[in-house]
Amino acid sequence: MYSLSTGAIFDACGKYRVYNNLINSDFSTNQKNGADASSHQLALATHTSINNLHPLDSLVERWQNPLSVAIFPHGQDATFATAEVIVLHTFEIRHVHKMPATKSELAQLYQVGEVQPFYEMPYPQCQAPTNYSKWVNRHSQGLGPLDVTYTFSWVDPWEPFYIGLRTVPLYDGFRQYGFNRISQACKLHVTGYGFSVLNSAFVVHKGFKVHGEFHSRKDEEKRRSRLLFRSFKEGLKTKYPSSPQRC
């Protein structure tokens, strides 16, 4: 009690008291000679409100040991979570080529234009935020093919292809052509999901998508879908009023 009343110093922002060496840690004294150091890892426990989650990105980069985070929600914020989906870079390949089996095979075809990002010709803006060149040319030393190499925040009009758990919000948009994938990505963004990219995982579509090969009612359906998407975004504001994210 004496230490609590006299031993505190304020942190840099002047809002929180910090107590140094309040109790003696038994972390080092209990280690046995020859013991595996990994069995004595320090775990960092912290807590935050949802609107202050963003600084955790830089913390995770510096802290290499286990991390436990408690999140304090308010009202409908309880529906939000620190969750993620896994984005797969999606490519198109000319029909004359067989499917590449590895990232290195894919990269060789990409460099000579035989493989390109999905929808590169008709709608390049929909996949541009994925930054295909960065991923193809990235050589991540020490990472396995299914390790996360970097993360994204969603930006309009990104339409990522992803893998998620069953807990991912279900698709409740529209089924006709246009603005369907973006509506789902928008919903994930609003409900607090992040987008992570794996080191060497990808999918490939056989054949290049080009203008003129879509069904005859494509433009008509796309005009209707654009209006539906605007209404969908307004609906998300009503459904998740406490979310700090918007589309």
C-alpha atoms as a PDB file:
ATOM      1  CA  MET A   1       0.000   0.000   0.000  1.00  0.00           C
ATOM      2  CA  TYR A   2       2.892   2.334   0.745  1.00  0.00           C
ATOM      3  CA  SER A   3       4.404   1.671  -2.700  1.00  0.00           C
ATOM      4  CA  LEU A   4       1.064   2.308  -4.388  1.00  0.00           C
ATOM      5  CA  SER A   5       0.685   5.646  -2.659  1.00  0.00           C
ATOM      6  CA  THR A   6       4.241   6.935  -3.119  1.00  0.00           C
ATOM      7  CA  GLY A   7       6.075   5.066  -5.883  1.00  0.00           C
ATOM      8  CA  ALA A   8       4.249   6.094  -9.022  1.00  0.00           C
ATOM      9  CA  ILE A   9       5.463   8.267 -11.870  1.00  0.00           C
ATOM     10  CA  PHE A  10       3.302   9.606 -14.669  1.00  0.00           C
ATOM     11  CA  ASP A  11       3.780   8.364 -18.204  1.00  0.00           C
ATOM     12  CA  ALA A  12       4.585  10.671 -21.137  1.00  0.00           C
ATOM     13  CA  CYS A  13       0.971  11.668 -21.728  1.00  0.00           C
ATOM     14  CA  GLY A  14       0.419  12.465 -18.054  1.00  0.00           C
ATOM     15  CA  LYS A  15      -2.693  10.297 -17.779  1.00  0.00           C
ATOM     16  CA  TYR A  16      -1.397   7.045 -16.322  1.00  0.00           C
ATOM     17  CA  ARG A  17       0.696   6.186 -13.270  1.00  0.00           C
ATOM     18  CA  VAL A  18       3.562   3.749 -13.779  1.00  0.00           C
ATOM     19  CA  TYR A  19       4.946   1.616 -10.933  1.00  0.00           C
ATOM     20  CA  ASN A  20       8.415   0.201 -11.493  1.00  0.00           C
ATOM     21  CA  ASN A  21       9.695  -2.857  -9.584  1.00  0.00           C
ATOM     22  CA  LEU A  22       6.565  -3.067  -7.470  1.00  0.00           C
ATOM     23  CA  ILE A  23       7.061  -6.810  -6.944  1.00  0.00           C
ATOM     24  CA  ASN A  24      10.011  -9.078  -7.568  1.00  0.00           C
ATOM     25  CA  SER A  25       9.610 -11.327 -10.585  1.00  0.00           C
ATOM     26  CA  ASP A  26      10.367 -15.031 -10.209  1.00  0.00           C
ATOM     27  CA  PHE A  27      10.865 -15.349 -13.973  1.00  0.00           C
ATOM     28  CA  SER A  28      14.661 -15.518 -13.842  1.00  0.00           C
ATOM     29  CA  THR A  29      15.048 -17.194 -10.460  1.00  0.00           C
ATOM     30  CA  ASN A  30      12.923 -20.198 -11.447  1.00  0.00           C
ATOM     31  CA  GLN A  31      14.816 -21.008 -14.628  1.00  0.00           C
ATOM     32  CA  LYS A  32      16.823 -24.199 -14.440  1.00  0.00           C
ATOM     33  CA  ASN A  33      20.229 -24.672 -15.989  1.00  0.00           C
ATOM     34  CA  GLY A  34      19.971 -26.194 -19.456  1.00  0.00           C
ATOM     35  CA  ALA A  35      16.237 -25.524 -19.746  1.00  0.00           C
ATOM     36  CA  ASP A  36      14.771 -24.650 -23.117  1.00  0.00           C
ATOM     37  CA  ALA A  37      14.657 -20.863 -23.296  1.00  0.00           C
ATOM     38  CA  SER A  38      11.441 -20.997 -25.330  1.00  0.00           C
ATOM     39  CA  SER A  39       9.644 -22.478 -22.321  1.00  0.00           C
ATOM     40  CA  HIS A  40      10.302 -19.264 -20.388  1.00  0.00           C
ATOM     41  CA  GLN A  41       8.959 -16.763 -22.879  1.00  0.00           C
ATOM     42  CA  LEU A  42       7.481 -13.602 -21.502  1.00  0.00           C
ATOM     43  CA  ALA A  43       3.887 -12.937 -22.504  1.00  0.00           C
ATOM     44  CA  LEU A  44       2.640  -9.379 -22.843  1.00  0.00           C
ATOM     45  CA  ALA A  45      -0.922  -8.789 -21.642  1.00  0.00           C
ATOM     46  CA  THR A  46      -2.655  -5.551 -22.525  1.00  0.00           C
ATOM     47  CA  HIS A  47      -6.110  -4.135 -23.073  1.00  0.00           C
ATOM     48  CA  THR A  48      -7.699  -1.527 -25.279  1.00  0.00           C
ATOM     49  CA  SER A  49     -10.961  -0.173 -26.572  1.00  0.00           C
ATOM     50  CA  ILE A  50     -11.905  -0.926 -30.169  1.00  0.00           C
ATOM     51  CA  ASN A  51     -11.122   2.555 -31.456  1.00  0.00           C
ATOM     52  CA  ASN A  52      -7.527   2.253 -30.209  1.00  0.00           C
ATOM     53  CA  LEU A  53      -6.678  -1.060 -31.846  1.00  0.00           C
ATOM     54  CA  HIS A  54      -4.624   0.442 -34.675  1.00  0.00           C
ATOM     55  CA  PRO A  55      -1.421   1.030 -32.605  1.00  0.00           C
ATOM     56  CA  LEU A  56      -1.178  -2.733 -32.065  1.00  0.00           C
ATOM     57  CA  ASP A  57       0.269  -3.160 -35.574  1.00  0.00           C
ATOM     58  CA  SER A  58       3.526  -1.480 -34.597  1.00  0.00           C
ATOM     59  CA  LEU A  59       3.548  -3.226 -31.220  1.00  0.00           C
ATOM     60  CA  VAL A  60       3.287  -6.672 -32.818  1.00  0.00           C
ATOM     61  CA  GLU A  61       6.213  -5.861 -35.119  1.00  0.00           C
ATOM     62  CA  ARG A  62       8.451  -5.149 -32.108  1.00  0.00           C
ATOM     63  CA  TRP A  63       7.140  -7.711 -29.630  1.00  0.00           C
ATOM     64  CA  GLN A  64       8.113 -11.216 -30.758  1.00  0.00           C
ATOM     65  CA  ASN A  65       6.746 -13.149 -27.768  1.00  0.00           C
ATOM     66  CA  PRO A  66       3.136 -14.186 -27.023  1.00  0.00           C
ATOM     67  CA  LEU A  67       0.631 -11.358 -26.819  1.00  0.00           C
ATOM     68  CA  SER A  68      -2.763 -11.353 -25.104  1.00  0.00           C
ATOM     69  CA  VAL A  69      -5.192  -8.506 -25.791  1.00  0.00           C
ATOM     70  CA  ALA A  70      -8.455  -7.811 -23.962  1.00  0.00           C
ATOM     71  CA  ILE A  71     -10.870  -5.592 -25.893  1.00  0.00           C
ATOM     72  CA  PHE A  72     -13.440  -3.437 -24.153  1.00  0.00           C
ATOM     73  CA  PRO A  73     -16.583  -3.084 -26.314  1.00  0.00           C
ATOM     74  CA  HIS A  74     -19.548  -0.775 -25.864  1.00  0.00           C
ATOM     75  CA  GLY A  75     -23.026  -1.708 -27.040  1.00  0.00           C
ATOM     76  CA  GLN A  76     -22.969  -2.955 -30.622  1.00  0.00           C
ATOM     77  CA  ASP A  77     -19.199  -2.695 -30.644  1.00  0.00           C
ATOM     78  CA  ALA A  78     -19.307  -6.131 -29.025  1.00  0.00           C
ATOM     79  CA  THR A  79     -20.012  -7.538 -32.486  1.00  0.00           C
ATOM     80  CA  PHE A  80     -16.633  -6.326 -33.721  1.00  0.00           C
ATOM     81  CA  ALA A  81     -13.508  -8.411 -33.243  1.00  0.00           C
ATOM     82  CA  THR A  82      -9.807  -8.442 -33.940  1.00  0.00           C
ATOM     83  CA  ALA A  83     -10.235 -10.912 -36.776  1.00  0.00           C
ATOM     84  CA  GLU A  84      -8.710 -11.346 -40.172  1.00  0.00           C
ATOM     85  CA  VAL A  85      -9.211 -13.022 -43.496  1.00  0.00           C
ATOM     86  CA  ILE A  86      -6.451 -14.407 -45.684  1.00  0.00           C
ATOM     87  CA  VAL A  87      -6.166 -12.697 -49.057  1.00  0.00           C
ATOM     88  CA  LEU A  88      -5.017 -14.797 -51.999  1.00  0.00           C
ATOM     89  CA  HIS A  89      -3.382 -13.018 -54.902  1.00  0.00           C
ATOM     90  CA  THR A  90      -5.505 -14.001 -57.882  1.00  0.00           C
ATOM     91  CA  PHE A  91      -3.993 -14.145 -61.359  1.00  0.00           C
ATOM     92  CA  GLU A  92      -5.032 -14.885 -64.940  1.00  0.00           C
ATOM     93  CA  ILE A  93      -2.953 -17.085 -67.224  1.00  0.00           C
ATOM     94  CA  ARG A  94      -3.089 -17.565 -70.972  1.00  0.00           C
ATOM     95  CA  HIS A  95      -4.862 -20.746 -72.030  1.00  0.00           C
ATOM     96  CA  VAL A  96      -1.715 -22.116 -73.692  1.00  0.00           C
ATOM     97  CA  HIS A  97       0.145 -22.431 -70.381  1.00  0.00           C
ATOM     98  CA  LYS A  98      -0.219 -25.007 -67.656  1.00  0.00           C
ATOM     99  CA  MET A  99      -0.929 -23.817 -64.147  1.00  0.00           C
ATOM    100  CA  PRO A 100       2.200 -22.790 -62.204  1.00  0.00           C
ATOM    101  CA  ALA A 101       2.856 -25.004 -59.193  1.00  0.00           C
ATOM    102  CA  THR A 102       5.067 -22.604 -57.234  1.00  0.00           C
ATOM    103  CA  LYS A 103       5.463 -18.901 -56.683  1.00  0.00           C
ATOM    104  CA  SER A 104       8.774 -18.922 -58.564  1.00  0.00           C
ATOM    105  CA  GLU A 105       7.111 -20.473 -61.638  1.00  0.00           C
ATOM    106  CA  LEU A 106       4.343 -17.899 -61.378  1.00  0.00           C
ATOM    107  CA  ALA A 107       6.860 -15.065 -61.098  1.00  0.00           C
ATOM    108  CA  GLN A 108       8.643 -16.125 -64.294  1.00  0.00           C
ATOM    109  CA  LEU A 109       5.394 -16.091 -66.263  1.00  0.00           C
ATOM    110  CA  TYR A 110       4.387 -12.796 -64.655  1.00  0.00           C
ATOM    111  CA  GLN A 111       7.619 -11.095 -65.736  1.00  0.00           C
ATOM    112  CA  VAL A 112       6.986 -11.914 -69.408  1.00  0.00           C
ATOM    113  CA  GLY A 113       3.284 -11.028 -69.381  1.00  0.00           C
ATOM    114  CA  GLU A 114       1.917 -14.567 -69.652  1.00  0.00           C
ATOM    115  CA  VAL A 115       0.349 -14.184 -66.217  1.00  0.00           C
ATOM    116  CA  GLN A 116      -1.335 -11.004 -65.026  1.00  0.00           C
ATOM    117  CA  PRO A 117      -3.509  -9.841 -62.109  1.00  0.00           C
ATOM    118  CA  PHE A 118      -7.144 -10.892 -62.278  1.00  0.00           C
ATOM    119  CA  TYR A 119      -9.347  -8.407 -64.192  1.00  0.00           C
ATOM    120  CA  GLU A 120      -6.209  -6.533 -65.240  1.00  0.00           C
ATOM    121  CA  MET A 121      -7.723  -5.401 -68.550  1.00  0.00           C
ATOM    122  CA  PRO A 122     -11.409  -4.676 -67.856  1.00  0.00           C
ATOM    123  CA  TYR A 123     -11.219  -3.416 -64.235  1.00  0.00           C
ATOM    124  CA  PRO A 124      -7.627  -3.001 -62.985  1.00  0.00           C
ATOM    125  CA  GLN A 125      -8.677  -0.672 -60.158  1.00  0.00           C
ATOM    126  CA  CYS A 126     -10.586  -3.466 -58.397  1.00  0.00           C
ATOM    127  CA  GLN A 127      -7.424  -5.475 -57.692  1.00  0.00           C
ATOM    128  CA  ALA A 128      -4.796  -2.712 -57.679  1.00  0.00           C
ATOM    129  CA  PRO A 129      -4.656  -2.289 -53.852  1.00  0.00           C
ATOM    130  CA  THR A 130      -3.378  -5.871 -53.539  1.00  0.00           C
ATOM    131  CA  ASN A 131      -0.098  -4.659 -55.095  1.00  0.00           C
ATOM    132  CA  TYR A 132       0.745  -7.689 -57.225  1.00  0.00           C
ATOM    133  CA  SER A 133       4.242  -6.547 -58.213  1.00  0.00           C
ATOM    134  CA  LYS A 134       5.236  -6.083 -54.566  1.00  0.00           C
ATOM    135  CA  TRP A 135       4.109  -9.610 -53.718  1.00  0.00           C
ATOM    136  CA  VAL A 136       5.621 -11.303 -56.797  1.00  0.00           C
ATOM    137  CA  ASN A 137       9.013  -9.664 -56.268  1.00  0.00           C
ATOM    138  CA  ARG A 138       9.069 -10.045 -52.502  1.00  0.00           C
ATOM    139  CA  HIS A 139      11.596 -12.549 -51.171  1.00  0.00           C
ATOM    140  CA  SER A 140      10.733 -13.212 -47.527  1.00  0.00           C
ATOM    141  CA  GLN A 141      13.708 -14.861 -45.882  1.00  0.00           C
ATOM    142  CA  GLY A 142      12.803 -17.403 -43.209  1.00  0.00           C
ATOM    143  CA  LEU A 143       9.076 -17.416 -43.965  1.00  0.00           C
ATOM    144  CA  GLY A 144       7.156 -20.524 -44.950  1.00  0.00           C
ATOM    145  CA  PRO A 145       4.703 -20.512 -47.886  1.00  0.00           C
ATOM    146  CA  LEU A 146       1.704 -20.135 -45.568  1.00  0.00           C
ATOM    147  CA  ASP A 147       3.196 -17.507 -43.247  1.00  0.00           C
ATOM    148  CA  VAL A 148       1.687 -14.026 -43.263  1.00  0.00           C
ATOM    149  CA  THR A 149       4.034 -11.629 -45.004  1.00  0.00           C
ATOM    150  CA  TYR A 150       2.083  -8.365 -44.625  1.00  0.00           C
ATOM    151  CA  THR A 151      -1.380  -6.981 -43.919  1.00  0.00           C
ATOM    152  CA  PHE A 152      -3.759  -4.555 -45.599  1.00  0.00           C
ATOM    153  CA  SER A 153      -6.502  -2.182 -44.634  1.00  0.00           C
ATOM    154  CA  TRP A 154      -9.420  -2.189 -47.036  1.00  0.00           C
ATOM    155  CA  VAL A 155      -9.747   0.708 -49.494  1.00  0.00           C
ATOM    156  CA  ASP A 156     -12.407   1.421 -52.090  1.00  0.00           C
ATOM    157  CA  PRO A 157     -12.799  -0.192 -54.708  1.00  0.00           C
ATOM    158  CA  TRP A 158     -10.776  -3.242 -53.649  1.00  0.00           C
ATOM    159  CA  GLU A 159     -12.382  -6.655 -54.315  1.00  0.00           C
ATOM    160  CA  PRO A 160     -10.040  -9.167 -52.664  1.00  0.00           C
ATOM    161  CA  PHE A 161     -10.367 -12.913 -52.933  1.00  0.00           C
ATOM    162  CA  TYR A 162     -10.002 -14.339 -49.447  1.00  0.00           C
ATOM    163  CA  ILE A 163     -10.224 -17.359 -47.152  1.00  0.00           C
ATOM    164  CA  GLY A 164     -11.987 -16.946 -43.823  1.00  0.00           C
ATOM    165  CA  LEU A 165     -13.339 -18.906 -40.887  1.00  0.00           C
ATOM    166  CA  ARG A 166     -16.999 -19.792 -40.497  1.00  0.00           C
ATOM    167  CA  THR A 167     -17.325 -16.818 -38.167  1.00  0.00           C
ATOM    168  CA  VAL A 168     -16.763 -14.378 -41.059  1.00  0.00           C
ATOM    169  CA  PRO A 169     -19.944 -12.332 -41.659  1.00  0.00           C
ATOM    170  CA  LEU A 170     -22.074 -14.008 -44.274  1.00  0.00           C
ATOM    171  CA  TYR A 171     -22.637 -12.448 -47.663  1.00  0.00           C
ATOM    172  CA  ASP A 172     -26.008 -10.685 -47.665  1.00  0.00           C
ATOM    173  CA  GLY A 173     -25.683  -8.537 -50.769  1.00  0.00           C
ATOM    174  CA  PHE A 174     -27.093  -9.022 -54.262  1.00  0.00           C
ATOM    175  CA  ARG A 175     -26.542 -11.779 -56.794  1.00  0.00           C
ATOM    176  CA  GLN A 176     -26.488 -10.036 -60.152  1.00  0.00           C
ATOM    177  CA  TYR A 177     -23.350  -8.779 -61.904  1.00  0.00           C
ATOM    178  CA  GLY A 178     -21.321  -5.976 -60.364  1.00  0.00           C
ATOM    179  CA  PHE A 179     -20.476  -4.660 -56.879  1.00  0.00           C
ATOM    180  CA  ASN A 180     -21.034  -8.015 -55.192  1.00  0.00           C
ATOM    181  CA  ARG A 181     -17.509  -8.837 -53.992  1.00  0.00           C
ATOM    182  CA  ILE A 182     -16.882  -5.239 -52.993  1.00  0.00           C
ATOM    183  CA  SER A 183     -20.026  -5.257 -50.838  1.00  0.00           C
ATOM    184  CA  GLN A 184     -18.690  -8.236 -48.877  1.00  0.00           C
ATOM    185  CA  ALA A 185     -15.224  -6.683 -48.508  1.00  0.00           C
ATOM    186  CA  CYS A 186     -16.877  -3.454 -47.368  1.00  0.00           C
ATOM    187  CA  LYS A 187     -18.856  -5.351 -44.726  1.00  0.00           C
ATOM    188  CA  LEU A 188     -15.725  -7.074 -43.413  1.00  0.00           C
ATOM    189  CA  HIS A 189     -14.010  -3.700 -43.157  1.00  0.00           C
ATOM    190  CA  VAL A 190     -16.892  -2.153 -41.224  1.00  0.00           C
ATOM    191  CA  THR A 191     -17.090  -5.093 -38.813  1.00  0.00           C
ATOM    192  CA  GLY A 192     -13.397  -4.843 -37.903  1.00  0.00           C
ATOM    193  CA  TYR A 193     -11.686  -7.418 -40.103  1.00  0.00           C
ATOM    194  CA  GLY A 194      -8.129  -7.073 -41.328  1.00  0.00           C
ATOM    195  CA  PHE A 195      -6.711  -8.510 -44.560  1.00  0.00           C
ATOM    196  CA  SER A 196      -3.517 -10.573 -44.379  1.00  0.00           C
ATOM    197  CA  VAL A 197      -1.435 -11.883 -47.275  1.00  0.00           C
ATOM    198  CA  LEU A 198       0.372 -15.215 -47.243  1.00  0.00           C
ATOM    199  CA  ASN A 199       3.949 -15.492 -48.376  1.00  0.00           C
ATOM    200  CA  SER A 200       3.490 -17.886 -51.314  1.00  0.00           C
ATOM    201  CA  ALA A 201      -0.211 -18.780 -51.633  1.00  0.00           C
ATOM    202  CA  PHE A 202      -2.077 -17.802 -54.807  1.00  0.00           C
ATOM    203  CA  VAL A 203      -4.866 -18.862 -57.162  1.00  0.00           C
ATOM    204  CA  VAL A 204      -4.957 -18.713 -60.958  1.00  0.00           C
ATOM    205  CA  HIS A 205      -7.845 -18.305 -63.399  1.00  0.00           C
ATOM    206  CA  LYS A 206      -7.428 -19.974 -66.796  1.00  0.00           C
ATOM    207  CA  GLY A 207      -7.663 -17.378 -69.573  1.00  0.00           C
ATOM    208  CA  PHE A 208      -7.520 -13.587 -69.660  1.00  0.00           C
ATOM    209  CA  LYS A 209     -10.629 -11.566 -68.849  1.00  0.00           C
ATOM    210  CA  VAL A 210     -11.205  -9.015 -71.617  1.00  0.00           C
ATOM    211  CA  HIS A 211     -13.890  -6.533 -72.655  1.00  0.00           C
ATOM    212  CA  GLY A 212     -16.565  -7.965 -74.929  1.00  0.00           C
ATOM    213  CA  GLU A 213     -16.650 -11.448 -73.415  1.00  0.00           C
ATOM    214  CA  PHE A 214     -19.215 -10.723 -70.712  1.00  0.00           C
ATOM    215  CA  HIS A 215     -22.904 -11.584 -70.997  1.00  0.00           C
ATOM    216  CA  SER A 216     -25.139  -9.199 -72.930  1.00  0.00           C
ATOM    217  CA  ARG A 217     -26.969  -7.779 -69.891  1.00  0.00           C
ATOM    218  CA  LYS A 218     -23.765  -6.962 -67.982  1.00  0.00           C
ATOM    219  CA  ASP A 219     -24.029  -3.156 -68.250  1.00  0.00           C
ATOM    220  CA  GLU A 220     -27.699  -3.100 -67.281  1.00  0.00           C
ATOM    221  CA  GLU A 221     -27.080  -5.305 -64.252  1.00  0.00           C
ATOM    222  CA  LYS A 222     -24.071  -3.245 -63.244  1.00  0.00           C
ATOM    223  CA  ARG A 223     -26.142  -0.020 -63.214  1.00  0.00           C
ATOM    224  CA  ARG A 224     -28.706  -1.642 -60.928  1.00  0.00           C
ATOM    225  CA  SER A 225     -25.975  -3.103 -58.723  1.00  0.00           C
ATOM    226  CA  ARG A 226     -24.367   0.313 -58.309  1.00  0.00           C
ATOM    227  CA  LEU A 227     -27.618   1.659 -56.844  1.00  0.00           C
ATOM    228  CA  LEU A 228     -28.002  -1.400 -54.634  1.00  0.00           C
ATOM    229  CA  PHE A 229     -24.450  -0.979 -53.367  1.00  0.00           C
ATOM    230  CA  ARG A 230     -25.113   2.618 -52.342  1.00  0.00           C
ATOM    231  CA  SER A 231     -28.153   1.461 -50.396  1.00  0.00           C
ATOM    232  CA  PHE A 232     -26.123  -1.414 -48.913  1.00  0.00           C
ATOM    233  CA  LYS A 233     -23.505   0.984 -47.550  1.00  0.00           C
ATOM    234  CA  GLU A 234     -26.162   3.148 -45.926  1.00  0.00           C
ATOM    235  CA  GLY A 235     -27.598   0.008 -44.350  1.00  0.00           C
ATOM    236  CA  LEU A 236     -24.224  -0.815 -42.792  1.00  0.00           C
ATOM    237  CA  LYS A 237     -24.178   2.573 -41.081  1.00  0.00           C
ATOM    238  CA  THR A 238     -27.511   1.740 -39.473  1.00  0.00           C
ATOM    239  CA  LYS A 239     -26.549  -1.819 -38.574  1.00  0.00           C
ATOM    240  CA  TYR A 240     -23.132  -0.900 -37.127  1.00  0.00           C
ATOM    241  CA  PRO A 241     -23.490   2.689 -35.894  1.00  0.00           C
ATOM    242  CA  SER A 242     -20.545   2.457 -33.485  1.00  0.00           C
ATOM    243  CA  SER A 243     -18.051   1.209 -36.059  1.00  0.00           C
ATOM    244  CA  PRO A 244     -15.226   3.669 -36.738  1.00  0.00           C
ATOM    245  CA  GLN A 245     -14.868   2.209 -40.259  1.00  0.00           C
ATOM    246  CA  ARG A 246     -16.848   3.310 -43.273  1.00  0.00           C
ATOM    247  CA  CYS A 247     -16.882   2.345 -46.937  1.00  0.00           C
END
